[in-house]
Amino acid sequence: MLSIEQLTEQIMLLSSSDRALLAQRIIESLSFDNDRYTEANSLFNEALRLAKLYQYRAAREKLRQAKQLFAAIGLDDMVEKCNRSINEIN
């Protein structure tokens, strides 16, 4: 893995148009991850609401969906939180 300094050096070797394109891709990626986080968090909260209404099957499904999204964006702590919630419902 590159250090921040090494990465900065590599980026500076790019042309200005390539640096602009890289910056745009990073922004798009962050925006996409934010959208997935928002959806995953919504699913998680919906699952908790369903569990309080004794709709356990639907709650587990929402938790599984949230878990997949959290895993896709690398939020391992939230994946574990989903796992704990699923186990508590079972």
N, C-alpha and C. Protein backbone atom coordinates (compact mmCIF):
# COMPACT_ATOMS: atom_id res chain seq x y z
N MET A 1 0.85 -1.17 0.00
CA MET A 1 0.00 0.00 0.00
C MET A 1 0.89 1.23 0.00
N LEU A 2 0.48 2.23 -0.75
CA LEU A 2 1.24 3.47 -0.83
C LEU A 2 0.98 4.37 0.38
N SER A 3 2.01 5.10 0.76
CA SER A 3 1.82 6.09 1.80
C SER A 3 1.14 7.31 1.18
N ILE A 4 0.69 8.22 2.01
CA ILE A 4 0.05 9.45 1.52
C ILE A 4 1.04 10.23 0.66
N GLU A 5 2.29 10.28 1.09
CA GLU A 5 3.31 11.02 0.34
C GLU A 5 3.54 10.40 -1.03
N GLN A 6 3.63 9.06 -1.08
CA GLN A 6 3.84 8.38 -2.35
C GLN A 6 2.63 8.58 -3.27
N LEU A 7 1.46 8.50 -2.72
CA LEU A 7 0.25 8.71 -3.51
C LEU A 7 0.20 10.12 -4.06
N THR A 8 0.55 11.09 -3.23
CA THR A 8 0.58 12.49 -3.66
C THR A 8 1.56 12.68 -4.80
N GLU A 9 2.74 12.06 -4.70
CA GLU A 9 3.74 12.14 -5.76
C GLU A 9 3.20 11.57 -7.07
N GLN A 10 2.52 10.43 -6.97
CA GLN A 10 1.96 9.79 -8.17
C GLN A 10 0.88 10.66 -8.80
N ILE A 11 0.06 11.27 -7.98
CA ILE A 11 -1.01 12.14 -8.48
C ILE A 11 -0.42 13.35 -9.18
N MET A 12 0.65 13.90 -8.63
CA MET A 12 1.27 15.08 -9.21
C MET A 12 1.90 14.79 -10.56
N LEU A 13 2.19 13.52 -10.85
CA LEU A 13 2.73 13.15 -12.15
C LEU A 13 1.67 13.15 -13.24
N LEU A 14 0.41 13.13 -12.84
CA LEU A 14 -0.69 13.15 -13.81
C LEU A 14 -0.82 14.53 -14.43
N SER A 15 -1.36 14.56 -15.63
CA SER A 15 -1.65 15.86 -16.25
C SER A 15 -2.78 16.52 -15.48
N SER A 16 -2.95 17.81 -15.66
CA SER A 16 -4.00 18.52 -14.92
C SER A 16 -5.38 17.99 -15.28
N SER A 17 -5.59 17.61 -16.54
CA SER A 17 -6.90 17.08 -16.92
C SER A 17 -7.13 15.71 -16.28
N ASP A 18 -6.08 14.89 -16.18
CA ASP A 18 -6.22 13.59 -15.52
C ASP A 18 -6.46 13.75 -14.02
N ARG A 19 -5.81 14.76 -13.40
CA ARG A 19 -6.06 15.02 -11.98
C ARG A 19 -7.50 15.46 -11.76
N ALA A 20 -8.04 16.27 -12.67
CA ALA A 20 -9.43 16.72 -12.57
C ALA A 20 -10.37 15.52 -12.70
N LEU A 21 -10.07 14.63 -13.64
CA LEU A 21 -10.89 13.44 -13.83
C LEU A 21 -10.83 12.54 -12.59
N LEU A 22 -9.65 12.38 -12.02
CA LEU A 22 -9.49 11.59 -10.80
C LEU A 22 -10.30 12.19 -9.66
N ALA A 23 -10.23 13.49 -9.51
CA ALA A 23 -10.99 14.17 -8.45
C ALA A 23 -12.48 13.95 -8.65
N GLN A 24 -12.95 14.04 -9.88
CA GLN A 24 -14.37 13.83 -10.17
C GLN A 24 -14.79 12.40 -9.82
N ARG A 25 -13.95 11.43 -10.17
CA ARG A 25 -14.26 10.03 -9.85
C ARG A 25 -14.31 9.79 -8.34
N ILE A 26 -13.42 10.43 -7.61
CA ILE A 26 -13.43 10.29 -6.15
C ILE A 26 -14.71 10.88 -5.58
N ILE A 27 -15.09 12.04 -6.06
CA ILE A 27 -16.33 12.68 -5.59
C ILE A 27 -17.53 11.80 -5.91
N GLU A 28 -17.59 11.25 -7.13
CA GLU A 28 -18.70 10.36 -7.50
C GLU A 28 -18.73 9.13 -6.60
N SER A 29 -17.57 8.59 -6.31
CA SER A 29 -17.50 7.40 -5.46
C SER A 29 -18.00 7.71 -4.06
N LEU A 30 -17.59 8.84 -3.51
CA LEU A 30 -18.04 9.22 -2.17
C LEU A 30 -19.54 9.45 -2.14
N SER A 31 -20.06 10.07 -3.19
CA SER A 31 -21.50 10.32 -3.28
C SER A 31 -22.26 9.00 -3.35
N PHE A 32 -21.75 8.06 -4.15
CA PHE A 32 -22.38 6.76 -4.30
C PHE A 32 -22.39 6.03 -2.96
N ASP A 33 -21.25 6.06 -2.25
CA ASP A 33 -21.18 5.41 -0.94
C ASP A 33 -22.13 6.07 0.04
N ASN A 34 -22.28 7.38 -0.03
CA ASN A 34 -23.21 8.08 0.85
C ASN A 34 -24.65 7.63 0.58
N ASP A 35 -24.98 7.47 -0.70
CA ASP A 35 -26.32 6.99 -1.06
C ASP A 35 -26.56 5.58 -0.51
N ARG A 36 -25.55 4.72 -0.66
CA ARG A 36 -25.69 3.34 -0.15
C ARG A 36 -25.77 3.33 1.37
N TYR A 37 -25.01 4.21 2.02
CA TYR A 37 -25.07 4.29 3.48
C TYR A 37 -26.46 4.73 3.92
N THR A 38 -26.99 5.74 3.26
CA THR A 38 -28.32 6.24 3.61
C THR A 38 -29.36 5.14 3.45
N GLU A 39 -29.27 4.39 2.35
CA GLU A 39 -30.21 3.29 2.13
C GLU A 39 -30.05 2.20 3.18
N ALA A 40 -28.81 1.83 3.47
CA ALA A 40 -28.56 0.79 4.47
C ALA A 40 -29.06 1.20 5.84
N ASN A 41 -28.80 2.44 6.21
CA ASN A 41 -29.24 2.93 7.51
C ASN A 41 -30.76 2.95 7.59
N SER A 42 -31.40 3.31 6.50
CA SER A 42 -32.87 3.32 6.44
C SER A 42 -33.41 1.90 6.62
N LEU A 43 -32.80 0.94 5.94
CA LEU A 43 -33.21 -0.46 6.07
C LEU A 43 -33.03 -0.96 7.51
N PHE A 44 -31.92 -0.58 8.11
CA PHE A 44 -31.65 -0.99 9.48
C PHE A 44 -32.71 -0.45 10.43
N ASN A 45 -33.01 0.83 10.30
CA ASN A 45 -34.02 1.44 11.17
C ASN A 45 -35.41 0.86 10.93
N GLU A 46 -35.72 0.55 9.68
CA GLU A 46 -37.00 -0.08 9.35
C GLU A 46 -37.08 -1.46 10.00
N ALA A 47 -35.97 -2.18 10.00
CA ALA A 47 -35.93 -3.51 10.63
C ALA A 47 -36.23 -3.41 12.13
N LEU A 48 -35.64 -2.42 12.78
CA LEU A 48 -35.90 -2.25 14.21
C LEU A 48 -37.37 -1.94 14.46
N ARG A 49 -37.95 -1.11 13.61
CA ARG A 49 -39.37 -0.78 13.75
C ARG A 49 -40.23 -2.03 13.56
N LEU A 50 -39.91 -2.83 12.54
CA LEU A 50 -40.67 -4.05 12.29
C LEU A 50 -40.55 -5.04 13.45
N ALA A 51 -39.38 -5.14 14.03
CA ALA A 51 -39.18 -6.05 15.17
C ALA A 51 -40.05 -5.63 16.34
N LYS A 52 -40.18 -4.33 16.57
CA LYS A 52 -41.04 -3.85 17.66
C LYS A 52 -42.51 -4.17 17.41
N LEU A 53 -42.85 -4.35 16.13
CA LEU A 53 -44.23 -4.70 15.76
C LEU A 53 -44.40 -6.22 15.64
N TYR A 54 -43.39 -6.97 16.11
CA TYR A 54 -43.41 -8.45 16.09
C TYR A 54 -43.42 -9.02 14.68
N GLN A 55 -42.96 -8.26 13.71
CA GLN A 55 -42.86 -8.73 12.33
C GLN A 55 -41.41 -9.19 12.10
N TYR A 56 -41.07 -10.30 12.74
CA TYR A 56 -39.68 -10.74 12.80
C TYR A 56 -39.12 -11.17 11.45
N ARG A 57 -39.88 -11.86 10.65
CA ARG A 57 -39.39 -12.32 9.35
C ARG A 57 -39.02 -11.12 8.47
N ALA A 58 -39.90 -10.14 8.41
CA ALA A 58 -39.64 -8.94 7.61
C ALA A 58 -38.45 -8.16 8.18
N ALA A 59 -38.35 -8.12 9.50
CA ALA A 59 -37.24 -7.41 10.15
C ALA A 59 -35.91 -8.07 9.80
N ARG A 60 -35.86 -9.40 9.86
CA ARG A 60 -34.62 -10.11 9.50
C ARG A 60 -34.23 -9.85 8.06
N GLU A 61 -35.20 -9.82 7.16
CA GLU A 61 -34.91 -9.56 5.75
C GLU A 61 -34.34 -8.16 5.56
N LYS A 62 -34.91 -7.18 6.21
CA LYS A 62 -34.39 -5.80 6.12
C LYS A 62 -32.97 -5.73 6.68
N LEU A 63 -32.72 -6.44 7.77
CA LEU A 63 -31.38 -6.46 8.34
C LEU A 63 -30.38 -7.11 7.39
N ARG A 64 -30.79 -8.18 6.72
CA ARG A 64 -29.90 -8.83 5.74
C ARG A 64 -29.58 -7.88 4.58
N GLN A 65 -30.58 -7.15 4.13
CA GLN A 65 -30.35 -6.18 3.06
C GLN A 65 -29.41 -5.06 3.51
N ALA A 66 -29.64 -4.56 4.71
CA ALA A 66 -28.77 -3.51 5.26
C ALA A 66 -27.34 -4.03 5.40
N LYS A 67 -27.22 -5.26 5.89
CA LYS A 67 -25.90 -5.87 6.09
C LYS A 67 -25.12 -5.94 4.78
N GLN A 68 -25.79 -6.32 3.70
CA GLN A 68 -25.13 -6.39 2.39
C GLN A 68 -24.62 -5.03 1.95
N LEU A 69 -25.43 -4.01 2.13
CA LEU A 69 -25.01 -2.67 1.74
C LEU A 69 -23.87 -2.16 2.62
N PHE A 70 -23.97 -2.37 3.92
CA PHE A 70 -22.89 -1.95 4.81
C PHE A 70 -21.59 -2.67 4.45
N ALA A 71 -21.67 -3.95 4.13
CA ALA A 71 -20.48 -4.71 3.73
C ALA A 71 -19.88 -4.16 2.44
N ALA A 72 -20.74 -3.80 1.51
CA ALA A 72 -20.27 -3.29 0.22
C ALA A 72 -19.49 -1.99 0.34
N ILE A 73 -19.81 -1.20 1.36
CA ILE A 73 -19.08 0.06 1.54
C ILE A 73 -18.04 -0.03 2.66
N GLY A 74 -17.83 -1.25 3.17
CA GLY A 74 -16.74 -1.49 4.10
C GLY A 74 -16.98 -1.06 5.54
N LEU A 75 -18.24 -1.00 5.95
CA LEU A 75 -18.54 -0.62 7.33
C LEU A 75 -18.74 -1.88 8.18
N ASP A 76 -17.61 -2.48 8.55
CA ASP A 76 -17.63 -3.75 9.27
C ASP A 76 -18.34 -3.66 10.61
N ASP A 77 -18.24 -2.52 11.28
CA ASP A 77 -18.91 -2.38 12.56
C ASP A 77 -20.42 -2.44 12.40
N MET A 78 -20.94 -1.88 11.31
CA MET A 78 -22.38 -1.93 11.06
C MET A 78 -22.81 -3.33 10.60
N VAL A 79 -21.94 -4.02 9.88
CA VAL A 79 -22.22 -5.41 9.50
C VAL A 79 -22.39 -6.24 10.77
N GLU A 80 -21.48 -6.05 11.72
CA GLU A 80 -21.57 -6.78 12.99
C GLU A 80 -22.82 -6.39 13.77
N LYS A 81 -23.17 -5.12 13.73
CA LYS A 81 -24.40 -4.67 14.40
C LYS A 81 -25.63 -5.34 13.78
N CYS A 82 -25.63 -5.49 12.47
CA CYS A 82 -26.73 -6.20 11.80
C CYS A 82 -26.75 -7.66 12.23
N ASN A 83 -25.58 -8.28 12.29
CA ASN A 83 -25.51 -9.68 12.72
C ASN A 83 -26.06 -9.85 14.13
N ARG A 84 -25.67 -8.95 15.04
CA ARG A 84 -26.18 -9.03 16.41
C ARG A 84 -27.70 -8.87 16.44
N SER A 85 -28.20 -7.93 15.66
CA SER A 85 -29.64 -7.70 15.64
C SER A 85 -30.39 -8.91 15.07
N ILE A 86 -29.84 -9.50 14.03
CA ILE A 86 -30.46 -10.71 13.45
C ILE A 86 -30.50 -11.81 14.50
N ASN A 87 -29.39 -11.99 15.22
CA ASN A 87 -29.33 -13.04 16.24
C ASN A 87 -30.30 -12.76 17.39
N GLU A 88 -30.47 -11.52 17.74
CA GLU A 88 -31.41 -11.16 18.81
C GLU A 88 -32.86 -11.45 18.42
N ILE A 89 -33.16 -11.32 17.13
CA ILE A 89 -34.52 -11.56 16.65
C ILE A 89 -34.79 -13.06 16.57
N ASN A 90 -33.78 -13.85 16.26
CA ASN A 90 -33.98 -15.31 16.11
C ASN A 90 -34.35 -15.97 17.40
